Protein backbone atom coordinates (compact mmCIF):
# COMPACT_ATOMS: atom_id res chain seq x y z
CA MET A 1 72.67 104.44 94.49
CA SER A 2 74.93 105.02 97.44
CA PHE A 3 78.04 102.87 97.89
CA SER A 4 79.53 101.84 101.21
CA LEU A 5 83.25 102.41 101.74
CA ASP A 6 85.58 99.90 103.34
CA VAL A 7 88.96 101.46 104.08
CA ALA A 8 91.80 98.98 104.58
CA ARG A 9 94.15 99.40 107.51
CA ARG A 10 96.98 100.17 105.09
CA ALA A 11 94.94 103.03 103.56
CA GLU A 12 94.05 104.40 107.01
CA LYS A 13 97.74 104.44 107.94
CA SER A 14 98.63 106.22 104.69
CA LEU A 15 95.87 108.76 105.25
CA ARG A 16 97.20 109.67 108.69
CA ARG A 17 100.61 110.51 107.16
CA ILE A 18 99.22 112.92 104.56
CA PRO A 19 99.57 116.66 105.38
CA PRO A 20 96.28 118.19 106.64
CA VAL A 21 95.50 120.27 103.53
CA GLU A 22 95.95 117.31 101.21
CA ARG A 23 94.15 115.00 103.66
CA ARG A 24 91.02 117.16 103.37
CA ARG A 25 91.12 116.85 99.57
CA VAL A 26 91.50 113.07 99.77
CA LEU A 27 88.68 112.76 102.33
CA SER A 28 86.46 114.90 100.11
CA ALA A 29 87.20 112.58 97.17
CA LEU A 30 86.37 109.53 99.32
CA GLU A 31 83.02 111.08 100.26
CA ALA A 32 82.28 111.76 96.58
CA MET A 33 83.09 108.12 95.79
CA GLN A 34 80.16 107.02 97.94
CA GLU A 35 77.78 108.54 95.40
CA SER A 36 79.69 107.78 92.20
CA PRO A 37 82.93 105.80 92.49
CA LEU A 38 83.80 106.17 88.79
CA ALA A 39 83.42 109.96 88.67
CA GLY A 40 86.52 112.10 88.46
CA ASP A 41 89.90 111.04 87.15
CA VAL A 42 89.48 107.26 87.48
CA VAL A 43 91.42 104.68 85.45
CA LYS A 44 91.24 100.90 85.58
CA LEU A 45 94.64 99.45 86.43
CA SER A 46 95.89 96.93 83.90
CA GLY A 47 96.58 93.44 85.20
CA MET A 48 94.51 94.04 88.32
CA ASN A 49 90.84 94.11 89.22
CA ALA A 50 91.29 97.57 90.69
CA PHE A 51 91.02 101.26 89.84
CA ARG A 52 92.91 104.38 90.78
CA ARG A 53 91.57 107.86 91.35
CA ARG A 54 93.87 110.85 91.10
CA VAL A 55 93.55 113.44 93.88
CA GLY A 56 96.30 116.03 93.42
CA SER A 57 99.63 114.27 93.89
CA TYR A 58 97.95 111.31 95.63
CA ARG A 59 96.41 108.17 94.16
CA VAL A 60 93.54 106.28 95.76
CA LEU A 61 93.62 102.59 94.81
CA PHE A 62 90.28 100.84 95.12
CA THR A 63 87.99 98.03 94.00
CA ILE A 64 84.28 98.19 93.24
CA ASP A 65 81.60 95.57 93.87
CA PHE A 66 78.61 96.88 91.91
CA GLU A 67 76.42 93.94 92.90
CA HIS A 68 76.63 94.73 96.62
CA GLY A 69 77.23 98.51 96.32
CA HIS A 70 80.63 98.33 97.97
CA VAL A 71 83.89 100.25 97.34
CA GLY A 72 87.05 98.86 98.94
CA ILE A 73 89.85 101.39 99.43
CA ILE A 74 93.10 99.43 99.12
CA ASP A 75 95.70 102.16 99.63
CA ILE A 76 96.41 105.87 99.24
CA LEU A 77 99.79 106.59 97.70
CA ARG A 78 101.75 109.71 96.88
CA ARG A 79 102.56 109.74 93.17
CA THR A 80 106.25 109.05 92.59
CA THR A 81 108.19 107.23 89.91
CA THR A 82 107.63 103.92 91.74
CA THR A 83 103.95 104.26 92.71
CA TYR A 84 102.58 101.47 90.50
CA ARG A 85 105.45 98.99 90.74
């Protein structure tokens, strides 16, 4: 089953700020999420109905709607000490 991706404006803005080499890795991970959103280093975030996928030093925050085959990309953050606060 193929999932459709919906990238939030906030995530698009974050993606534009990422250096080109890292951006390619993140875009590759987003493409892979269309086939299997839970593959790779994915962890459900506690206290939220969301997941995070690790891509190098970046984290892709997203939600999944299995019923409609939809993945919503919330944000793409660089991993720091305050990423999940």
